[in-house]
Amino acid sequence: MSRLTGLQREVLSLYRSCLRAVYRKPIDSRAHFKSFVTQEFRKYAVEVDRKDFDTVEFLLRKGKRQLEVYGDPNIKRMTTAG
């Protein structure tokens, strides 16, 4: 396996942080949170070229903001549209 770039390490770190936040949620809503996290990361892994640094950096900032919101202990449930 090749070495990861700094940006790739940041993406993996954010993914791990999101998964850790999932396990701080109530048991009955963890599946929804985990599904949301994995779907978002997989969607952008397919849609965004890893050499498109501006987009990757934008998505990292967006993901960190979402982690702050959804990581709040007062957020117990989430619903997704669609």
PDB file of N, CA and C in Angstrom:
ATOM      1  N   MET A   1       0.846  -1.180   0.000  1.00  0.00           N
ATOM      2  CA  MET A   1       0.000   0.000   0.000  1.00  0.00           C
ATOM      3  C   MET A   1       0.886   1.235   0.000  1.00  0.00           C
ATOM      4  N   SER A   2       0.532   2.202  -0.800  1.00  0.00           N
ATOM      5  CA  SER A   2       1.320   3.424  -0.876  1.00  0.00           C
ATOM      6  C   SER A   2       1.046   4.301   0.349  1.00  0.00           C
ATOM      7  N   ARG A   3       1.944   5.229   0.578  1.00  0.00           N
ATOM      8  CA  ARG A   3       1.788   6.139   1.703  1.00  0.00           C
ATOM      9  C   ARG A   3       0.648   7.111   1.421  1.00  0.00           C
ATOM     10  N   LEU A   4      -0.008   7.501   2.476  1.00  0.00           N
ATOM     11  CA  LEU A   4      -1.125   8.428   2.339  1.00  0.00           C
ATOM     12  C   LEU A   4      -0.633   9.865   2.379  1.00  0.00           C
ATOM     13  N   THR A   5      -1.290  10.708   1.614  1.00  0.00           N
ATOM     14  CA  THR A   5      -0.979  12.133   1.656  1.00  0.00           C
ATOM     15  C   THR A   5      -1.609  12.732   2.913  1.00  0.00           C
ATOM     16  N   GLY A   6      -1.241  13.947   3.217  1.00  0.00           N
ATOM     17  CA  GLY A   6      -1.811  14.621   4.379  1.00  0.00           C
ATOM     18  C   GLY A   6      -3.315  14.772   4.280  1.00  0.00           C
ATOM     19  N   LEU A   7      -3.792  15.085   3.083  1.00  0.00           N
ATOM     20  CA  LEU A   7      -5.225  15.253   2.872  1.00  0.00           C
ATOM     21  C   LEU A   7      -5.965  13.922   3.051  1.00  0.00           C
ATOM     22  N   GLN A   8      -5.378  12.846   2.557  1.00  0.00           N
ATOM     23  CA  GLN A   8      -5.993  11.526   2.720  1.00  0.00           C
ATOM     24  C   GLN A   8      -6.047  11.140   4.199  1.00  0.00           C
ATOM     25  N   ARG A   9      -4.991  11.463   4.931  1.00  0.00           N
ATOM     26  CA  ARG A   9      -4.986  11.183   6.374  1.00  0.00           C
ATOM     27  C   ARG A   9      -6.075  11.982   7.083  1.00  0.00           C
ATOM     28  N   GLU A  10      -6.284  13.224   6.647  1.00  0.00           N
ATOM     29  CA  GLU A  10      -7.343  14.050   7.243  1.00  0.00           C
ATOM     30  C   GLU A  10      -8.720  13.445   6.991  1.00  0.00           C
ATOM     31  N   VAL A  11      -8.937  12.956   5.774  1.00  0.00           N
ATOM     32  CA  VAL A  11     -10.226  12.343   5.437  1.00  0.00           C
ATOM     33  C   VAL A  11     -10.445  11.100   6.296  1.00  0.00           C
ATOM     34  N   LEU A  12      -9.436  10.258   6.412  1.00  0.00           N
ATOM     35  CA  LEU A  12      -9.568   9.053   7.241  1.00  0.00           C
ATOM     36  C   LEU A  12      -9.794   9.408   8.703  1.00  0.00           C
ATOM     37  N   SER A  13      -9.113  10.428   9.174  1.00  0.00           N
ATOM     38  CA  SER A  13      -9.280  10.872  10.553  1.00  0.00           C
ATOM     39  C   SER A  13     -10.706  11.359  10.798  1.00  0.00           C
ATOM     40  N   LEU A  14     -11.247  12.115   9.854  1.00  0.00           N
ATOM     41  CA  LEU A  14     -12.628  12.589   9.976  1.00  0.00           C
ATOM     42  C   LEU A  14     -13.596  11.408   9.968  1.00  0.00           C
ATOM     43  N   TYR A  15     -13.360  10.442   9.090  1.00  0.00           N
ATOM     44  CA  TYR A  15     -14.224   9.255   9.024  1.00  0.00           C
ATOM     45  C   TYR A  15     -14.215   8.513  10.361  1.00  0.00           C
ATOM     46  N   ARG A  16     -13.037   8.307  10.920  1.00  0.00           N
ATOM     47  CA  ARG A  16     -12.932   7.618  12.212  1.00  0.00           C
ATOM     48  C   ARG A  16     -13.620   8.412  13.315  1.00  0.00           C
ATOM     49  N   SER A  17     -13.442   9.727  13.299  1.00  0.00           N
ATOM     50  CA  SER A  17     -14.098  10.575  14.301  1.00  0.00           C
ATOM     51  C   SER A  17     -15.616  10.468  14.190  1.00  0.00           C
ATOM     52  N   CYS A  18     -16.109  10.431  12.976  1.00  0.00           N
ATOM     53  CA  CYS A  18     -17.551  10.291  12.762  1.00  0.00           C
ATOM     54  C   CYS A  18     -18.051   8.955  13.292  1.00  0.00           C
ATOM     55  N   LEU A  19     -17.308   7.896  13.028  1.00  0.00           N
ATOM     56  CA  LEU A  19     -17.724   6.580  13.522  1.00  0.00           C
ATOM     57  C   LEU A  19     -17.671   6.520  15.045  1.00  0.00           C
ATOM     58  N   ARG A  20     -16.673   7.166  15.650  1.00  0.00           N
ATOM     59  CA  ARG A  20     -16.618   7.208  17.115  1.00  0.00           C
ATOM     60  C   ARG A  20     -17.824   7.966  17.670  1.00  0.00           C
ATOM     61  N   ALA A  21     -18.220   9.029  16.997  1.00  0.00           N
ATOM     62  CA  ALA A  21     -19.383   9.808  17.436  1.00  0.00           C
ATOM     63  C   ALA A  21     -20.660   8.971  17.353  1.00  0.00           C
ATOM     64  N   VAL A  22     -20.741   8.090  16.369  1.00  0.00           N
ATOM     65  CA  VAL A  22     -21.910   7.218  16.223  1.00  0.00           C
ATOM     66  C   VAL A  22     -22.096   6.383  17.482  1.00  0.00           C
ATOM     67  N   TYR A  23     -21.018   5.879  18.044  1.00  0.00           N
ATOM     68  CA  TYR A  23     -21.124   4.990  19.194  1.00  0.00           C
ATOM     69  C   TYR A  23     -21.370   5.729  20.503  1.00  0.00           C
ATOM     70  N   ARG A  24     -21.467   7.047  20.449  1.00  0.00           N
ATOM     71  CA  ARG A  24     -21.883   7.826  21.619  1.00  0.00           C
ATOM     72  C   ARG A  24     -23.374   8.155  21.555  1.00  0.00           C
ATOM     73  N   LYS A  25     -24.027   7.677  20.520  1.00  0.00           N
ATOM     74  CA  LYS A  25     -25.464   7.906  20.346  1.00  0.00           C
ATOM     75  C   LYS A  25     -26.242   6.761  20.994  1.00  0.00           C
ATOM     76  N   PRO A  26     -27.548   6.977  21.260  1.00  0.00           N
ATOM     77  CA  PRO A  26     -28.369   5.897  21.811  1.00  0.00           C
ATOM     78  C   PRO A  26     -28.362   4.677  20.879  1.00  0.00           C
ATOM     79  N   ILE A  27     -28.415   3.520  21.470  1.00  0.00           N
ATOM     80  CA  ILE A  27     -28.315   2.264  20.715  1.00  0.00           C
ATOM     81  C   ILE A  27     -29.358   2.184  19.602  1.00  0.00           C
ATOM     82  N   ASP A  28     -30.580   2.620  19.882  1.00  0.00           N
ATOM     83  CA  ASP A  28     -31.644   2.479  18.881  1.00  0.00           C
ATOM     84  C   ASP A  28     -31.486   3.407  17.672  1.00  0.00           C
ATOM     85  N   SER A  29     -30.620   4.412  17.756  1.00  0.00           N
ATOM     86  CA  SER A  29     -30.446   5.308  16.604  1.00  0.00           C
ATOM     87  C   SER A  29     -29.064   5.198  15.961  1.00  0.00           C
ATOM     88  N   ARG A  30     -28.214   4.345  16.478  1.00  0.00           N
ATOM     89  CA  ARG A  30     -26.859   4.210  15.926  1.00  0.00           C
ATOM     90  C   ARG A  30     -26.851   3.766  14.474  1.00  0.00           C
ATOM     91  N   ALA A  31     -27.729   2.858  14.123  1.00  0.00           N
ATOM     92  CA  ALA A  31     -27.748   2.337  12.750  1.00  0.00           C
ATOM     93  C   ALA A  31     -28.014   3.462  11.750  1.00  0.00           C
ATOM     94  N   HIS A  32     -28.907   4.376  12.088  1.00  0.00           N
ATOM     95  CA  HIS A  32     -29.215   5.498  11.186  1.00  0.00           C
ATOM     96  C   HIS A  32     -28.013   6.425  11.038  1.00  0.00           C
ATOM     97  N   PHE A  33     -27.360   6.718  12.155  1.00  0.00           N
ATOM     98  CA  PHE A  33     -26.187   7.593  12.100  1.00  0.00           C
ATOM     99  C   PHE A  33     -25.055   6.935  11.309  1.00  0.00           C
ATOM    100  N   LYS A  34     -24.827   5.649  11.567  1.00  0.00           N
ATOM    101  CA  LYS A  34     -23.743   4.954  10.867  1.00  0.00           C
ATOM    102  C   LYS A  34     -24.035   4.870   9.371  1.00  0.00           C
ATOM    103  N   SER A  35     -25.269   4.592   9.028  1.00  0.00           N
ATOM    104  CA  SER A  35     -25.656   4.530   7.621  1.00  0.00           C
ATOM    105  C   SER A  35     -25.417   5.871   6.938  1.00  0.00           C
ATOM    106  N   PHE A  36     -25.781   6.954   7.602  1.00  0.00           N
ATOM    107  CA  PHE A  36     -25.573   8.291   7.051  1.00  0.00           C
ATOM    108  C   PHE A  36     -24.086   8.546   6.813  1.00  0.00           C
ATOM    109  N   VAL A  37     -23.259   8.227   7.796  1.00  0.00           N
ATOM    110  CA  VAL A  37     -21.806   8.461   7.683  1.00  0.00           C
ATOM    111  C   VAL A  37     -21.232   7.674   6.511  1.00  0.00           C
ATOM    112  N   THR A  38     -21.514   6.388   6.455  1.00  0.00           N
ATOM    113  CA  THR A  38     -20.922   5.568   5.396  1.00  0.00           C
ATOM    114  C   THR A  38     -21.435   5.979   4.019  1.00  0.00           C
ATOM    115  N   GLN A  39     -22.719   6.306   3.914  1.00  0.00           N
ATOM    116  CA  GLN A  39     -23.268   6.735   2.618  1.00  0.00           C
ATOM    117  C   GLN A  39     -22.623   8.024   2.138  1.00  0.00           C
ATOM    118  N   GLU A  40     -22.447   8.991   3.036  1.00  0.00           N
ATOM    119  CA  GLU A  40     -21.845  10.269   2.647  1.00  0.00           C
ATOM    120  C   GLU A  40     -20.409  10.074   2.165  1.00  0.00           C
ATOM    121  N   PHE A  41     -19.618   9.322   2.918  1.00  0.00           N
ATOM    122  CA  PHE A  41     -18.225   9.133   2.527  1.00  0.00           C
ATOM    123  C   PHE A  41     -18.117   8.343   1.227  1.00  0.00           C
ATOM    124  N   ARG A  42     -18.934   7.315   1.067  1.00  0.00           N
ATOM    125  CA  ARG A  42     -18.875   6.524  -0.173  1.00  0.00           C
ATOM    126  C   ARG A  42     -19.341   7.335  -1.375  1.00  0.00           C
ATOM    127  N   LYS A  43     -20.379   8.135  -1.180  1.00  0.00           N
ATOM    128  CA  LYS A  43     -20.900   8.957  -2.277  1.00  0.00           C
ATOM    129  C   LYS A  43     -19.806   9.876  -2.809  1.00  0.00           C
ATOM    130  N   TYR A  44     -19.135  10.569  -1.913  1.00  0.00           N
ATOM    131  CA  TYR A  44     -18.111  11.513  -2.359  1.00  0.00           C
ATOM    132  C   TYR A  44     -16.837  10.815  -2.813  1.00  0.00           C
ATOM    133  N   ALA A  45     -16.583   9.614  -2.327  1.00  0.00           N
ATOM    134  CA  ALA A  45     -15.412   8.869  -2.794  1.00  0.00           C
ATOM    135  C   ALA A  45     -15.550   8.542  -4.277  1.00  0.00           C
ATOM    136  N   VAL A  46     -16.786   8.327  -4.714  1.00  0.00           N
ATOM    137  CA  VAL A  46     -17.045   8.007  -6.118  1.00  0.00           C
ATOM    138  C   VAL A  46     -17.139   9.279  -6.962  1.00  0.00           C
ATOM    139  N   GLU A  47     -17.785  10.308  -6.422  1.00  0.00           N
ATOM    140  CA  GLU A  47     -18.070  11.516  -7.199  1.00  0.00           C
ATOM    141  C   GLU A  47     -16.888  12.465  -7.346  1.00  0.00           C
ATOM    142  N   VAL A  48     -15.970  12.471  -6.384  1.00  0.00           N
ATOM    143  CA  VAL A  48     -14.911  13.486  -6.359  1.00  0.00           C
ATOM    144  C   VAL A  48     -13.560  12.848  -6.655  1.00  0.00           C
ATOM    145  N   ASP A  49     -12.851  13.437  -7.593  1.00  0.00           N
ATOM    146  CA  ASP A  49     -11.494  12.996  -7.903  1.00  0.00           C
ATOM    147  C   ASP A  49     -10.582  13.370  -6.739  1.00  0.00           C
ATOM    148  N   ARG A  50      -9.765  12.439  -6.285  1.00  0.00           N
ATOM    149  CA  ARG A  50      -8.919  12.729  -5.123  1.00  0.00           C
ATOM    150  C   ARG A  50      -7.854  13.777  -5.416  1.00  0.00           C
ATOM    151  N   LYS A  51      -7.676  14.124  -6.675  1.00  0.00           N
ATOM    152  CA  LYS A  51      -6.729  15.188  -7.019  1.00  0.00           C
ATOM    153  C   LYS A  51      -7.405  16.553  -7.104  1.00  0.00           C
ATOM    154  N   ASP A  52      -8.704  16.585  -6.883  1.00  0.00           N
ATOM    155  CA  ASP A  52      -9.454  17.844  -6.852  1.00  0.00           C
ATOM    156  C   ASP A  52      -9.377  18.391  -5.420  1.00  0.00           C
ATOM    157  N   PHE A  53      -8.236  18.992  -5.104  1.00  0.00           N
ATOM    158  CA  PHE A  53      -7.929  19.393  -3.735  1.00  0.00           C
ATOM    159  C   PHE A  53      -8.915  20.408  -3.172  1.00  0.00           C
ATOM    160  N   ASP A  54      -9.351  21.344  -3.994  1.00  0.00           N
ATOM    161  CA  ASP A  54     -10.298  22.356  -3.504  1.00  0.00           C
ATOM    162  C   ASP A  54     -11.599  21.713  -3.028  1.00  0.00           C
ATOM    163  N   THR A  55     -12.110  20.781  -3.808  1.00  0.00           N
ATOM    164  CA  THR A  55     -13.358  20.111  -3.439  1.00  0.00           C
ATOM    165  C   THR A  55     -13.163  19.242  -2.207  1.00  0.00           C
ATOM    166  N   VAL A  56     -12.057  18.517  -2.149  1.00  0.00           N
ATOM    167  CA  VAL A  56     -11.781  17.661  -0.989  1.00  0.00           C
ATOM    168  C   VAL A  56     -11.678  18.514   0.274  1.00  0.00           C
ATOM    169  N   GLU A  57     -10.973  19.637   0.181  1.00  0.00           N
ATOM    170  CA  GLU A  57     -10.842  20.517   1.348  1.00  0.00           C
ATOM    171  C   GLU A  57     -12.193  21.104   1.752  1.00  0.00           C
ATOM    172  N   PHE A  58     -13.014  21.474   0.768  1.00  0.00           N
ATOM    173  CA  PHE A  58     -14.357  21.974   1.063  1.00  0.00           C
ATOM    174  C   PHE A  58     -15.174  20.906   1.787  1.00  0.00           C
ATOM    175  N   LEU A  59     -15.128  19.671   1.277  1.00  0.00           N
ATOM    176  CA  LEU A  59     -15.902  18.590   1.890  1.00  0.00           C
ATOM    177  C   LEU A  59     -15.389  18.260   3.289  1.00  0.00           C
ATOM    178  N   LEU A  60     -14.093  18.392   3.503  1.00  0.00           N
ATOM    179  CA  LEU A  60     -13.542  18.195   4.852  1.00  0.00           C
ATOM    180  C   LEU A  60     -14.115  19.229   5.820  1.00  0.00           C
ATOM    181  N   ARG A  61     -14.139  20.482   5.397  1.00  0.00           N
ATOM    182  CA  ARG A  61     -14.698  21.529   6.264  1.00  0.00           C
ATOM    183  C   ARG A  61     -16.180  21.272   6.536  1.00  0.00           C
ATOM    184  N   LYS A  62     -16.905  20.889   5.488  1.00  0.00           N
ATOM    185  CA  LYS A  62     -18.332  20.588   5.636  1.00  0.00           C
ATOM    186  C   LYS A  62     -18.528  19.411   6.597  1.00  0.00           C
ATOM    187  N   GLY A  63     -17.715  18.381   6.432  1.00  0.00           N
ATOM    188  CA  GLY A  63     -17.814  17.207   7.293  1.00  0.00           C
ATOM    189  C   GLY A  63     -17.505  17.522   8.746  1.00  0.00           C
ATOM    190  N   LYS A  64     -16.524  18.380   8.977  1.00  0.00           N
ATOM    191  CA  LYS A  64     -16.184  18.761  10.357  1.00  0.00           C
ATOM    192  C   LYS A  64     -17.323  19.546  10.998  1.00  0.00           C
ATOM    193  N   ARG A  65     -17.967  20.414  10.220  1.00  0.00           N
ATOM    194  CA  ARG A  65     -19.123  21.155  10.749  1.00  0.00           C
ATOM    195  C   ARG A  65     -20.271  20.198  11.071  1.00  0.00           C
ATOM    196  N   GLN A  66     -20.508  19.238  10.172  1.00  0.00           N
ATOM    197  CA  GLN A  66     -21.581  18.271  10.424  1.00  0.00           C
ATOM    198  C   GLN A  66     -21.264  17.422  11.649  1.00  0.00           C
ATOM    199  N   LEU A  67     -20.005  17.065  11.824  1.00  0.00           N
ATOM    200  CA  LEU A  67     -19.615  16.277  12.994  1.00  0.00           C
ATOM    201  C   LEU A  67     -19.884  17.063  14.271  1.00  0.00           C
ATOM    202  N   GLU A  68     -19.607  18.355  14.256  1.00  0.00           N
ATOM    203  CA  GLU A  68     -19.897  19.183  15.431  1.00  0.00           C
ATOM    204  C   GLU A  68     -21.389  19.175  15.747  1.00  0.00           C
ATOM    205  N   VAL A  69     -22.206  19.294  14.716  1.00  0.00           N
ATOM    206  CA  VAL A  69     -23.657  19.335  14.925  1.00  0.00           C
ATOM    207  C   VAL A  69     -24.170  17.971  15.368  1.00  0.00           C
ATOM    208  N   TYR A  70     -23.893  16.938  14.588  1.00  0.00           N
ATOM    209  CA  TYR A  70     -24.431  15.607  14.892  1.00  0.00           C
ATOM    210  C   TYR A  70     -23.729  14.956  16.077  1.00  0.00           C
ATOM    211  N   GLY A  71     -22.537  15.414  16.404  1.00  0.00           N
ATOM    212  CA  GLY A  71     -21.811  14.870  17.549  1.00  0.00           C
ATOM    213  C   GLY A  71     -22.314  15.405  18.874  1.00  0.00           C
ATOM    214  N   ASP A  72     -23.150  16.435  18.830  1.00  0.00           N
ATOM    215  CA  ASP A  72     -23.720  17.015  20.045  1.00  0.00           C
ATOM    216  C   ASP A  72     -24.503  15.941  20.798  1.00  0.00           C
ATOM    217  N   PRO A  73     -24.240  15.782  22.097  1.00  0.00           N
ATOM    218  CA  PRO A  73     -24.947  14.751  22.871  1.00  0.00           C
ATOM    219  C   PRO A  73     -26.464  14.954  22.917  1.00  0.00           C
ATOM    220  N   ASN A  74     -26.925  16.174  22.678  1.00  0.00           N
ATOM    221  CA  ASN A  74     -28.368  16.433  22.701  1.00  0.00           C
ATOM    222  C   ASN A  74     -29.076  15.952  21.438  1.00  0.00           C
ATOM    223  N   ILE A  75     -28.329  15.674  20.382  1.00  0.00           N
ATOM    224  CA  ILE A  75     -28.913  15.138  19.149  1.00  0.00           C
ATOM    225  C   ILE A  75     -29.028  13.625  19.324  1.00  0.00           C
ATOM    226  N   LYS A  76     -30.250  13.148  19.413  1.00  0.00           N
ATOM    227  CA  LYS A  76     -30.492  11.721  19.688  1.00  0.00           C
ATOM    228  C   LYS A  76     -30.926  10.945  18.451  1.00  0.00           C
ATOM    229  N   ARG A  77     -31.573  11.624  17.522  1.00  0.00           N
ATOM    230  CA  ARG A  77     -32.104  10.961  16.327  1.00  0.00           C
ATOM    231  C   ARG A  77     -31.811  11.796  15.104  1.00  0.00           C
ATOM    232  N   MET A  78     -31.857  11.133  13.973  1.00  0.00           N
ATOM    233  CA  MET A  78     -31.707  11.844  12.708  1.00  0.00           C
ATOM    234  C   MET A  78     -32.576  11.152  11.682  1.00  0.00           C
ATOM    235  N   THR A  79     -33.123  11.946  10.788  1.00  0.00           N
ATOM    236  CA  THR A  79     -33.865  11.389   9.662  1.00  0.00           C
ATOM    237  C   THR A  79     -33.252  11.955   8.398  1.00  0.00           C
ATOM    238  N   THR A  80     -33.289  11.175   7.359  1.00  0.00           N
ATOM    239  CA  THR A  80     -32.754  11.627   6.080  1.00  0.00           C
ATOM    240  C   THR A  80     -33.902  11.736   5.092  1.00  0.00           C
ATOM    241  N   ALA A  81     -33.831  12.732   4.265  1.00  0.00           N
ATOM    242  CA  ALA A  81     -34.866  12.929   3.251  1.00  0.00           C
ATOM    243  C   ALA A  81     -34.609  11.994   2.081  1.00  0.00           C
ATOM    244  N   GLY A  82     -35.646  11.467   1.538  1.00  0.00           N
ATOM    245  CA  GLY A  82     -35.503  10.671   0.337  1.00  0.00           C
ATOM    246  C   GLY A  82     -35.803   9.289   0.496  1.00  0.00           C
TER     247      GLY A  82
END
